[in-house]
Amino acid sequence: MEHEDEIVRRLVERFPGVTASAQRERRIWTQIKREEFLDVLAYLHDELKFISLLTVSGLDCGEEFQLIYHLAREDGIVLSAKENAPKSDPVFQTATDLYKGGMLFELEARNLLGLTIRGIPDDIRYPLPDDWPEGEYPLRKEWKAHAKPAELPAQNPAGKKDN
């Protein structure tokens, strides 16, 4: 894990507030403060060559929300960069200036968790249907479906054929 340890060393040396660890070969996890998240991502992209965004995971952690940007280098090392925001202020900045393909992932996190992600278009609803109720965020822990049984699509029991 020589390369992974060197990446962790350089990252923590440059950003002392970052927590980072090489957990196994080709796998690094980091926790980054909100106020320096984009600076750290720029360093990862420009200096440490994490040039590919694989996906963004959004989590409801109870009192906080977390976005995890999963980044990769050409040598196969994957780094997961975690950023948290309190539920009272669920605001994140877009990383699309660095990772152009990240907008769909950020839209998904915004619309499924109810996050504010500054820098992405406000008028796109993805992946929810156009008629999805405002203020309903299905990946929040406290969310419960509000549809009444009569409003749900008819279920076809297994093995029965429609006439």
Protein backbone atom coordinates (compact mmCIF):
# COMPACT_ATOMS: atom_id res chain seq x y z
CA MET A 1 0.00 0.00 0.00
CA GLU A 2 2.91 2.27 -0.70
CA HIS A 3 0.97 4.50 -3.12
CA GLU A 4 -2.09 4.70 -0.89
CA ASP A 5 -0.03 5.67 2.17
CA GLU A 6 1.80 8.34 0.15
CA ILE A 7 -1.52 9.82 -1.01
CA VAL A 8 -2.82 9.92 2.58
CA ARG A 9 0.43 11.54 3.78
CA ARG A 10 0.34 14.24 1.09
CA LEU A 11 -3.35 14.94 1.63
CA VAL A 12 -3.13 15.31 5.41
CA GLU A 13 0.09 17.32 5.14
CA ARG A 14 -1.59 19.79 2.77
CA PHE A 15 -4.94 19.84 4.67
CA PRO A 16 -4.36 19.14 8.38
CA GLY A 17 -8.12 19.17 9.07
CA VAL A 18 -8.70 16.19 6.78
CA THR A 19 -9.00 12.72 8.27
CA ALA A 20 -7.77 10.05 5.86
CA SER A 21 -6.84 6.39 5.95
CA ALA A 22 -5.80 3.73 3.49
CA GLN A 23 -8.04 0.88 4.56
CA ARG A 24 -6.73 -1.70 2.12
CA GLU A 25 -4.97 -1.87 -1.21
CA ARG A 26 -6.42 0.66 -3.70
CA ARG A 27 -8.95 2.06 -1.17
CA ILE A 28 -8.77 5.37 0.73
CA TRP A 29 -11.44 7.05 2.88
CA THR A 30 -11.42 10.72 3.85
CA GLN A 31 -13.58 13.00 5.99
CA ILE A 32 -13.42 16.63 4.89
CA LYS A 33 -14.78 19.76 6.58
CA ARG A 34 -17.51 21.51 4.65
CA GLU A 35 -15.63 24.81 4.40
CA GLU A 36 -12.65 23.22 2.66
CA PHE A 37 -14.36 20.46 0.67
CA LEU A 38 -13.98 22.03 -2.78
CA ASP A 39 -10.36 23.00 -2.11
CA VAL A 40 -9.57 19.42 -1.13
CA LEU A 41 -11.39 18.06 -4.20
CA ALA A 42 -9.42 20.43 -6.43
CA TYR A 43 -6.17 19.19 -4.86
CA LEU A 44 -7.26 15.56 -5.29
CA HIS A 45 -8.14 16.25 -8.94
CA ASP A 46 -5.27 18.50 -9.99
CA GLU A 47 -2.34 17.32 -7.86
CA LEU A 48 -3.12 13.73 -6.89
CA LYS A 49 -4.81 12.90 -10.22
CA PHE A 50 -8.17 11.60 -9.00
CA ILE A 51 -9.67 12.58 -12.34
CA SER A 52 -12.73 10.31 -12.48
CA LEU A 53 -15.92 10.68 -10.46
CA LEU A 54 -17.47 7.23 -10.12
CA THR A 55 -20.61 8.20 -8.20
CA VAL A 56 -21.90 10.29 -5.32
CA SER A 57 -23.65 8.61 -2.40
CA GLY A 58 -26.06 10.57 -0.25
CA LEU A 59 -26.87 9.45 3.29
CA ASP A 60 -29.23 10.51 6.05
CA CYS A 61 -27.09 9.94 9.16
CA GLY A 62 -29.72 11.06 11.66
CA GLU A 63 -28.62 14.54 12.75
CA GLU A 64 -26.59 15.12 9.60
CA PHE A 65 -26.59 14.46 5.89
CA GLN A 66 -23.49 13.13 4.20
CA LEU A 67 -22.36 13.21 0.60
CA ILE A 68 -19.59 10.83 -0.43
CA TYR A 69 -17.76 11.51 -3.68
CA HIS A 70 -16.15 8.30 -4.94
CA LEU A 71 -13.10 9.28 -7.04
CA ALA A 72 -10.63 7.18 -9.01
CA ARG A 73 -7.17 7.45 -10.51
CA GLU A 74 -5.85 5.72 -13.60
CA ASP A 75 -3.87 3.28 -11.41
CA GLY A 76 -7.12 1.93 -9.91
CA ILE A 77 -6.94 3.64 -6.51
CA VAL A 78 -10.39 4.74 -5.33
CA LEU A 79 -10.81 7.51 -2.77
CA SER A 80 -14.10 8.23 -1.05
CA ALA A 81 -14.35 11.86 0.10
CA LYS A 82 -17.03 12.42 2.75
CA GLU A 83 -18.61 15.77 3.57
CA ASN A 84 -21.28 16.31 6.24
CA ALA A 85 -23.88 19.01 6.77
CA PRO A 86 -26.29 19.34 9.69
CA LYS A 87 -29.98 18.74 9.00
CA SER A 88 -30.60 22.30 10.16
CA ASP A 89 -28.40 23.60 7.30
CA PRO A 90 -28.26 20.92 4.56
CA VAL A 91 -26.24 23.01 2.10
CA PHE A 92 -23.49 21.66 -0.14
CA GLN A 93 -21.56 23.16 -3.07
CA THR A 94 -21.55 21.43 -6.45
CA ALA A 95 -18.36 19.77 -7.62
CA THR A 96 -19.33 19.97 -11.30
CA ASP A 97 -16.58 22.49 -12.08
CA LEU A 98 -14.12 19.66 -11.41
CA TYR A 99 -16.25 16.65 -12.30
CA LYS A 100 -18.63 17.56 -15.13
CA GLY A 101 -20.55 14.28 -14.96
CA GLY A 102 -21.45 14.77 -11.32
CA MET A 103 -24.58 16.82 -11.86
CA LEU A 104 -26.93 13.83 -12.17
CA PHE A 105 -25.58 12.36 -8.93
CA GLU A 106 -26.01 15.70 -7.16
CA LEU A 107 -29.53 16.15 -8.56
CA GLU A 108 -30.41 12.71 -7.26
CA ALA A 109 -29.08 13.56 -3.78
CA ARG A 110 -30.94 16.88 -3.80
CA ASN A 111 -34.29 15.47 -4.86
CA LEU A 112 -34.20 12.24 -2.82
CA LEU A 113 -32.79 13.76 0.40
CA GLY A 114 -33.95 17.38 0.18
CA LEU A 115 -30.47 18.89 0.16
CA THR A 116 -29.50 22.28 -1.19
CA ILE A 117 -26.65 21.91 -3.65
CA ARG A 118 -25.51 25.32 -4.82
CA GLY A 119 -24.47 25.55 -8.44
CA ILE A 120 -26.79 23.00 -10.07
CA PRO A 121 -30.01 23.92 -11.92
CA ASP A 122 -33.08 24.40 -9.73
CA ASP A 123 -35.60 23.39 -12.39
CA ILE A 124 -34.58 19.75 -12.93
CA ARG A 125 -36.32 16.99 -10.98
CA TYR A 126 -34.34 13.78 -11.15
CA PRO A 127 -35.02 10.87 -10.66
CA LEU A 128 -38.48 11.52 -9.22
CA PRO A 129 -41.58 11.72 -11.44
CA ASP A 130 -42.74 15.19 -12.52
CA ASP A 131 -45.84 14.94 -10.32
CA TRP A 132 -43.92 13.97 -7.17
CA PRO A 133 -45.17 16.10 -4.23
CA GLU A 134 -42.99 19.02 -3.15
CA GLY A 135 -41.28 18.55 0.19
CA GLU A 136 -41.36 14.74 0.03
CA TYR A 137 -37.85 13.23 0.23
CA PRO A 138 -37.99 9.42 0.13
CA LEU A 139 -34.43 8.75 1.35
CA ARG A 140 -34.83 10.67 4.60
CA LYS A 141 -35.12 8.44 7.63
CA GLU A 142 -38.31 10.15 8.80
CA TRP A 143 -40.06 9.91 5.41
CA LYS A 144 -43.14 7.75 5.13
CA ALA A 145 -45.18 7.20 1.98
CA HIS A 146 -48.41 9.17 2.17
CA ALA A 147 -50.33 7.31 -0.51
CA LYS A 148 -53.54 5.62 0.60
CA PRO A 149 -54.00 2.00 -0.49
CA ALA A 150 -56.69 3.03 -3.00
CA GLU A 151 -54.17 5.40 -4.66
CA LEU A 152 -51.50 2.75 -5.12
CA PRO A 153 -51.27 0.92 -8.45
CA ALA A 154 -53.20 -2.36 -8.54
CA GLN A 155 -50.96 -5.28 -7.75
CA ASN A 156 -51.20 -8.44 -9.83
CA PRO A 157 -50.68 -11.44 -7.52
CA ALA A 158 -47.91 -13.74 -8.65
CA GLY A 159 -49.03 -16.36 -11.10
CA LYS A 160 -52.30 -14.67 -12.12
CA LYS A 161 -52.74 -13.54 -15.69
CA ASP A 162 -54.57 -10.39 -16.74
CA ASN A 163 -57.71 -11.04 -18.79
